[in-house]
Protein backbone atom coordinates (compact mmCIF):
# COMPACT_ATOMS: atom_id res chain seq x y z
CA MET A 1 284.64 93.76 130.81
CA THR A 2 286.41 90.63 132.00
CA GLY A 3 284.94 87.22 131.30
CA ARG A 4 283.91 86.89 134.93
CA GLU A 5 282.22 90.29 134.96
CA ARG A 6 280.22 89.35 131.88
CA PHE A 7 279.11 86.10 133.43
CA LEU A 8 278.04 87.65 136.72
CA ARG A 9 276.18 90.47 135.01
CA VAL A 10 274.31 88.08 132.71
CA MET A 11 273.35 85.97 135.70
CA GLU A 12 272.01 89.08 137.45
CA TYR A 13 270.11 90.33 134.38
CA GLU A 14 272.39 93.32 133.97
CA PRO A 15 273.60 94.71 130.60
CA VAL A 16 276.86 93.43 129.10
CA ASP A 17 278.97 94.16 126.03
CA GLN A 18 278.54 90.52 125.05
CA VAL A 19 277.16 87.32 126.56
CA PRO A 20 279.71 84.57 127.35
CA ASN A 21 280.54 82.27 124.43
CA TRP A 22 280.40 78.65 125.59
CA GLU A 23 279.79 75.25 124.02
CA LEU A 24 279.84 71.66 125.29
CA GLY A 25 281.95 69.63 122.85
CA ILE A 26 281.84 67.27 119.88
CA TRP A 27 281.57 63.58 119.17
CA GLY A 28 284.65 61.70 118.00
CA GLN A 29 282.82 61.05 114.73
CA THR A 30 282.14 64.78 114.38
CA ARG A 31 285.82 65.58 114.69
CA GLU A 32 286.60 63.00 112.01
CA ARG A 33 284.08 64.58 109.64
CA TRP A 34 285.16 68.15 110.30
CA ILE A 35 288.83 67.36 109.73
CA SER A 36 287.88 65.75 106.41
CA GLU A 37 285.99 68.94 105.51
CA GLY A 38 288.86 71.32 106.24
CA ALA A 39 288.99 71.91 109.98
CA ARG A 40 292.45 72.02 111.55
CA PRO A 41 293.05 69.98 114.72
CA GLU A 42 294.11 73.05 116.69
CA GLN A 43 290.75 74.64 115.92
CA ILE A 44 288.65 71.92 117.53
CA ASP A 45 290.84 69.78 119.81
CA GLY A 46 290.96 70.46 123.53
CA ASP A 47 288.67 71.03 126.47
CA TRP A 48 285.57 72.73 125.12
CA PHE A 49 284.24 73.50 128.60
CA SER A 50 287.40 75.32 129.66
CA GLY A 51 287.49 77.16 126.35
CA ILE A 52 289.22 76.81 122.98
CA ASP A 53 290.89 80.08 121.96
CA ALA A 54 290.66 79.36 118.22
CA LEU A 55 286.87 79.24 118.49
CA GLY A 56 286.63 82.42 120.56
CA PHE A 57 285.25 80.74 123.67
CA ASP A 58 285.32 82.52 126.99
CA LYS A 59 287.62 80.91 129.54
CA ARG A 60 286.27 78.87 132.41
CA GLU A 61 288.49 77.24 135.03
CA PHE A 62 287.29 74.05 136.68
CA VAL A 63 288.97 73.13 139.97
CA PRO A 64 288.86 69.31 139.87
CA ILE A 65 287.58 67.75 143.07
CA HIS A 66 287.57 63.95 142.86
CA MET A 67 284.09 62.93 143.98
CA GLY A 68 284.22 59.42 142.60
CA MET A 69 285.45 56.11 143.95
CA ILE A 70 288.91 55.83 145.47
CA PRO A 71 289.85 53.16 144.68
CA GLY A 72 287.70 52.26 141.73
CA PHE A 73 286.89 48.76 140.62
CA GLU A 74 289.32 46.81 138.48
CA THR A 75 288.84 47.62 134.80
CA LYS A 76 288.94 44.42 132.79
CA VAL A 77 287.71 42.86 129.56
CA ILE A 78 285.54 39.90 130.45
CA GLU A 79 284.87 38.83 126.86
CA ARG A 80 285.89 40.15 123.43
CA THR A 81 284.94 39.16 119.89
CA ASP A 82 285.45 40.90 116.56
CA ARG A 83 282.05 42.63 117.04
CA TYR A 84 281.70 43.44 120.72
CA GLU A 85 283.41 43.44 124.09
CA ILE A 86 282.07 42.91 127.60
CA ILE A 87 283.90 45.13 130.06
CA GLN A 88 283.89 45.74 133.79
CA HIS A 89 284.58 49.45 134.14
CA GLY A 90 286.25 51.34 136.95
CA ASN A 91 282.84 52.38 138.28
CA GLY A 92 281.85 48.73 138.73
CA ILE A 93 279.38 48.68 135.84
CA VAL A 94 279.58 45.78 133.38
CA THR A 95 278.64 46.63 129.78
CA LYS A 96 278.50 45.01 126.38
CA ALA A 97 279.77 47.43 123.74
CA LEU A 98 279.82 47.40 119.95
CA ILE A 99 283.37 47.74 118.66
CA ASP A 100 282.56 48.63 115.06
CA GLY A 101 282.23 52.38 114.45
CA THR A 102 284.03 53.56 117.60
CA VAL A 103 285.99 56.77 116.95
CA ARG A 104 288.27 58.44 119.52
CA GLY A 105 286.43 56.67 122.33
CA THR A 106 282.95 57.62 121.09
CA ARG A 107 280.74 54.58 120.45
CA ALA A 108 278.53 54.42 117.38
CA SER A 109 275.71 53.17 119.63
CA MET A 110 274.99 53.07 123.34
CA ASP A 111 276.45 50.25 125.41
CA GLN A 112 274.20 47.53 126.77
CA TYR A 113 274.29 47.59 130.56
CA LEU A 114 274.53 44.12 132.09
CA ARG A 115 275.26 44.64 135.78
CA PHE A 116 275.61 47.41 138.38
CA PRO A 117 277.61 47.43 141.62
CA VAL A 118 274.74 48.20 144.05
CA GLU A 119 271.76 45.87 144.24
CA ASN A 120 270.92 46.04 147.96
CA ILE A 121 271.78 47.90 151.14
CA ASP A 122 274.79 45.69 151.90
CA ASP A 123 276.27 46.57 148.50
CA LEU A 124 275.71 50.25 149.31
CA ARG A 125 277.57 49.94 152.59
CA ASP A 126 280.46 48.28 150.80
CA MET A 127 280.40 51.07 148.22
CA LYS A 128 280.73 53.72 150.94
CA LYS A 129 284.23 52.42 151.68
CA ARG A 130 285.32 53.80 148.31
CA TYR A 131 284.12 57.30 149.24
CA ASP A 132 286.39 58.50 152.03
CA PRO A 133 285.91 62.30 151.93
CA THR A 134 289.14 62.93 153.84
CA ASN A 135 291.39 61.30 151.23
CA PRO A 136 293.88 64.03 150.18
CA ASN A 137 293.92 62.65 146.63
CA ARG A 138 290.51 64.20 146.14
CA TYR A 139 292.08 67.66 145.79
CA PRO A 140 294.44 69.14 143.18
CA GLN A 141 298.09 68.85 144.09
CA ASN A 142 299.34 71.90 145.99
CA TRP A 143 295.90 73.46 145.75
CA ARG A 144 296.47 75.78 148.68
CA ASP A 145 299.32 77.45 146.77
CA ARG A 146 296.83 78.41 144.06
CA ILE A 147 294.41 80.17 146.40
CA PRO A 148 295.79 83.72 145.80
CA ALA A 149 295.40 83.35 142.01
CA TRP A 150 291.89 81.92 142.38
CA ARG A 151 290.86 84.79 144.64
CA ASN A 152 292.12 87.39 142.13
CA ARG A 153 290.80 85.86 138.92
CA ASP A 154 289.16 87.60 135.97
CA HIS A 155 287.53 84.46 134.56
CA VAL A 156 284.74 82.17 135.78
CA LEU A 157 285.89 79.69 138.45
CA ILE A 158 283.91 76.48 139.00
CA LEU A 159 284.19 74.08 141.91
CA GLY A 160 284.60 70.58 140.50
CA THR A 161 284.44 69.30 136.95
CA ASN A 162 281.22 69.58 134.97
CA ALA A 163 280.13 66.02 135.75
CA CYS A 164 281.73 65.56 139.15
CA THR A 165 278.62 64.56 141.10
CA GLY A 166 274.85 64.55 141.47
CA PHE A 167 272.17 62.74 143.43
CA TYR A 168 270.00 60.84 140.97
CA GLY A 169 272.97 60.65 138.61
CA VAL A 170 275.22 58.99 141.18
CA ALA A 171 272.49 56.62 142.36
CA ARG A 172 271.72 55.65 138.76
CA ALA A 173 275.40 54.92 138.12
CA TRP A 174 275.47 52.69 141.19
CA MET A 175 272.18 50.87 140.50
CA GLY A 176 271.04 51.45 136.92
CA THR A 177 267.87 53.23 135.83
CA GLU A 178 265.53 50.26 136.05
CA ASN A 179 266.85 48.97 139.37
CA LEU A 180 266.74 52.44 140.93
CA SER A 181 263.17 52.96 139.69
CA TYR A 182 262.06 49.80 141.47
CA ALA A 183 264.11 50.64 144.57
CA PHE A 184 262.07 53.79 145.28
CA TYR A 185 259.17 51.43 146.00
CA ASP A 186 260.77 48.10 146.93
CA GLN A 187 263.82 49.31 148.91
CA PRO A 188 262.98 52.74 150.35
CA GLU A 189 265.45 52.29 153.23
CA LEU A 190 268.23 51.77 150.69
CA CYS A 191 267.25 54.97 148.87
CA GLU A 192 267.05 57.01 152.06
CA GLU A 193 270.47 55.87 153.22
CA MET A 194 271.97 56.34 149.76
CA PHE A 195 270.88 59.96 149.27
CA GLU A 196 271.73 60.92 152.83
CA PHE A 197 275.22 59.54 152.29
CA ILE A 198 275.69 61.37 148.99
CA ALA A 199 274.81 64.69 150.66
CA ASP A 200 277.07 64.03 153.64
CA PHE A 201 279.92 63.15 151.30
CA ILE A 202 279.56 66.24 149.10
CA ILE A 203 279.37 68.54 152.10
CA GLU A 204 282.42 67.06 153.78
CA VAL A 205 284.62 66.84 150.71
CA THR A 206 283.89 70.43 149.58
CA THR A 207 284.22 72.09 153.00
CA PRO A 208 288.04 72.56 153.07
CA ILE A 209 288.17 74.34 149.73
CA VAL A 210 284.98 76.45 149.92
CA LYS A 211 286.26 77.85 153.22
CA GLU A 212 289.19 79.34 151.28
CA VAL A 213 287.76 80.35 147.88
CA ASN A 214 284.45 81.86 146.73
CA PHE A 215 283.52 79.99 143.56
CA ASP A 216 281.28 81.32 140.81
CA TYR A 217 279.25 78.16 140.48
CA PHE A 218 278.93 74.45 141.22
CA ASN A 219 277.26 72.06 138.79
CA PHE A 220 275.22 68.96 139.56
CA PHE A 221 275.21 66.38 136.76
CA GLU A 222 271.98 64.39 136.76
CA ASP A 223 270.63 63.26 133.34
CA MET A 224 267.42 62.26 135.06
CA ALA A 225 264.88 62.52 132.23
CA CYS A 226 264.00 61.07 128.85
CA VAL A 227 262.27 62.69 125.89
CA SER A 228 258.79 62.47 127.42
CA GLY A 229 259.52 63.37 131.04
CA PRO A 230 261.53 62.69 134.21
CA LEU A 231 262.75 59.20 135.11
CA MET A 232 261.26 59.61 138.57
CA SER A 233 258.06 61.24 139.75
CA PRO A 234 258.04 64.66 141.43
CA ALA A 235 256.62 62.93 144.52
CA SER A 236 259.54 60.49 144.73
CA PHE A 237 262.03 63.26 144.05
CA LYS A 238 260.55 65.41 146.80
CA LYS A 239 260.52 62.54 149.28
CA PHE A 240 263.93 60.97 148.70
CA ILE A 241 266.21 63.59 147.11
CA PHE A 242 264.90 67.11 147.71
CA PRO A 243 265.80 67.40 151.44
CA HIS A 244 269.39 66.30 150.85
CA TYR A 245 269.77 68.52 147.81
CA ARG A 246 268.48 71.45 149.85
CA ARG A 247 270.97 71.04 152.69
CA THR A 248 273.83 70.49 150.23
CA ILE A 249 273.01 73.65 148.28
CA ASP A 250 272.56 75.58 151.54
CA HIS A 251 276.06 74.46 152.53
CA LEU A 252 277.60 75.55 149.20
CA LYS A 253 275.95 78.97 149.17
CA LYS A 254 276.71 79.57 152.84
CA HIS A 255 280.39 79.20 151.93
CA GLY A 256 280.34 81.63 149.01
CA VAL A 257 279.43 79.51 145.97
CA LYS A 258 277.52 82.14 144.01
CA TYR A 259 275.32 79.96 141.81
CA VAL A 260 274.27 76.33 141.51
CA SER A 261 273.49 74.76 138.14
CA LEU A 262 271.82 71.46 137.33
CA ASP A 263 272.55 69.58 134.11
CA SER A 264 270.03 67.11 132.75
CA ASP A 265 269.06 66.08 129.26
CA GLY A 266 265.47 65.15 128.47
CA ASN A 267 262.24 66.78 129.60
CA THR A 268 262.63 67.79 133.24
CA GLU A 269 259.84 70.35 133.19
CA PRO A 270 257.70 68.74 135.95
CA LEU A 271 260.70 68.95 138.30
CA ILE A 272 261.68 72.59 137.67
CA PRO A 273 259.59 74.00 140.56
CA LEU A 274 261.39 71.60 142.93
CA PHE A 275 264.77 72.54 141.45
CA LEU A 276 264.09 76.20 142.17
CA ASP A 277 262.72 75.54 145.66
CA MET A 278 265.86 73.64 146.65
CA GLY A 279 268.11 76.49 145.51
CA VAL A 280 269.13 75.72 141.92
CA ASP A 281 269.78 78.90 139.94
CA VAL A 282 270.51 77.50 136.47
CA HIS A 283 269.08 74.61 134.49
CA TRP A 284 270.59 73.36 131.23
CA PRO A 285 270.97 72.30 128.40
CA PHE A 286 267.23 72.49 127.54
CA GLU A 287 267.08 69.71 124.98
CA ARG A 288 264.74 70.90 122.25
CA ALA A 289 263.85 67.41 120.98
CA SER A 290 262.33 66.86 124.44
CA ASN A 291 260.05 69.91 124.14
CA MET A 292 262.20 72.02 126.46
CA ASP A 293 261.35 75.40 124.94
CA PRO A 294 263.44 78.06 126.71
CA ASN A 295 261.14 80.93 125.69
CA ARG A 296 258.01 79.25 127.01
CA ILE A 297 259.57 77.98 130.24
CA LYS A 298 261.45 81.22 130.94
CA ALA A 299 258.21 83.15 130.63
CA GLN A 300 256.71 80.90 133.29
CA TYR A 301 259.46 81.30 135.91
CA GLY A 302 260.92 84.72 135.16
CA LYS A 303 264.18 85.83 136.71
CA GLN A 304 264.23 83.02 139.26
CA LEU A 305 265.35 80.61 136.52
CA ARG A 306 268.51 81.09 134.47
CA ILE A 307 268.97 78.94 131.37
CA TRP A 308 272.02 77.75 129.46
CA GLY A 309 271.72 75.89 126.17
CA GLY A 310 268.50 75.87 124.16
CA VAL A 311 269.95 75.91 120.60
CA ASP A 312 268.32 73.07 118.68
CA LYS A 313 271.17 70.94 117.30
CA ARG A 314 268.80 69.44 114.72
CA GLU A 315 268.49 72.84 113.03
CA LEU A 316 272.26 73.00 112.58
CA THR A 317 272.10 69.98 110.28
CA LYS A 318 270.02 71.96 107.76
CA GLY A 319 270.77 75.19 105.90
CA HIS A 320 271.97 78.65 106.89
CA LYS A 321 268.41 79.97 106.91
CA GLU A 322 267.35 77.37 109.49
CA ILE A 323 270.38 78.20 111.63
CA ASP A 324 269.46 81.89 111.52
CA ASN A 325 265.89 81.09 112.51
CA ALA A 326 267.08 78.95 115.44
CA LEU A 327 269.17 81.84 116.74
CA LYS A 328 266.55 84.49 116.00
CA GLU A 329 264.02 82.86 118.31
CA LEU A 330 266.53 83.08 121.18
CA ALA A 331 267.43 86.75 120.67
CA PRO A 332 264.84 88.04 123.20
CA LEU A 333 266.27 85.75 125.88
CA VAL A 334 269.81 86.93 125.21
CA GLU A 335 268.67 90.54 125.37
CA SER A 336 266.76 90.13 128.64
CA GLY A 337 269.58 88.35 130.49
CA GLY A 338 269.86 85.19 132.56
CA PHE A 339 270.50 83.16 129.41
CA ILE A 340 273.67 81.79 127.79
CA PRO A 341 272.94 80.07 124.46
CA THR A 342 274.73 76.87 123.53
CA VAL A 343 273.79 73.86 121.45
CA ASP A 344 271.54 71.61 123.53
CA HIS A 345 274.19 68.87 123.73
CA THR A 346 277.49 68.09 122.06
CA PHE A 347 277.73 68.55 118.27
CA PRO A 348 276.76 65.30 116.46
CA PRO A 349 278.37 64.18 113.18
CA ASP A 350 275.42 65.13 110.99
CA ILE A 351 276.43 68.80 111.39
CA SER A 352 278.86 69.87 108.66
CA TRP A 353 281.97 71.94 109.29
CA ASP A 354 280.52 74.69 107.08
CA ASN A 355 277.32 74.79 109.13
CA PHE A 356 279.26 74.82 112.39
CA CYS A 357 281.40 77.75 111.20
CA TYR A 358 278.31 79.64 110.07
CA TYR A 359 276.60 78.95 113.38
CA MET A 360 279.58 80.25 115.34
CA GLU A 361 279.79 83.39 113.18
CA GLN A 362 276.10 84.16 113.60
CA LYS A 363 276.10 83.22 117.27
CA LYS A 364 278.85 85.77 117.98
CA LYS A 365 276.57 88.42 116.53
CA LEU A 366 273.76 87.17 118.76
CA LEU A 367 275.98 87.36 121.84
CA SER A 368 277.01 90.96 121.11
CA GLY A 369 273.50 92.16 120.25
CA SER A 370 274.20 92.71 116.56
CA PHE A 371 272.37 89.69 115.16
CA GLY A 372 269.99 90.64 112.35
CA LYS A 373 271.22 94.25 112.28
């Protein structure tokens, strides 16, 4: 079987010789630790989503569509000391960031967010000027020349990068979590115009390329939940976002995008029925620390819901027995289909190189159906 055939068969609950082998990536601090413990750079450096051959990952090709600001804001350091720096980023957000402990661009702690570019409806209308969907720079150079190869592929082809766009995710980046939460109640006209615009933009910017190529999936990046539940109520989601999500997904599937996935950390369980109703096929990464149990939730929704992720990264910090147990509980999902196991986020630095190698060895057995045999 080709990698694409495996993927499509898993998604349709059909038997395969092995389930696709994917993972999300590692922290900069994790790389530093693993190199010190014997990993070679060529084993772990590169684009984990597209696939690292040395780790035996299945290839995925992401066709990058630029769905961000063109032009972005000026990136500049507003203030810098020996401990922290205050930066205006290209997305217009101003943050205060701890310098100490930063490794390969990965901060030791989360930045403090000081200001966001959209505070009111006038700011939103100014922001729209940075989102011209007809700008040719939004597409890969000479992309039309690549159409024959894309049409005759044997690997999974994805429209856009993993985190290219979303609805809540984009609005949160423009406004910030707290400001957006208030806006649902204090500025409903701003929210309505914002989500309508996001949908219009996605539809227009994807139309030229989906008319030429049938993609295997499109991913929405949201991160719209915390450990205890969603960052917005199901009622607000249904009122402000659901209708625009639905028409956007209808557009993508009408033009041959086979599946739609939605990426969010945290506990999104109260929103899953809405995700499915608006046309989402896959939800991931099922963060276990947020009580996202893939066995329990899969039993509730059956074949309508596909799941990626679900491997508890906390168990990988322990011993080999705990790693085996974490994989053993997922074996029924792998066997039944509609499930691709990965760690439920990127690999943190408290996972040793030895444990990672053991996990990958045992996971390959899980993917081929030979785990525990």
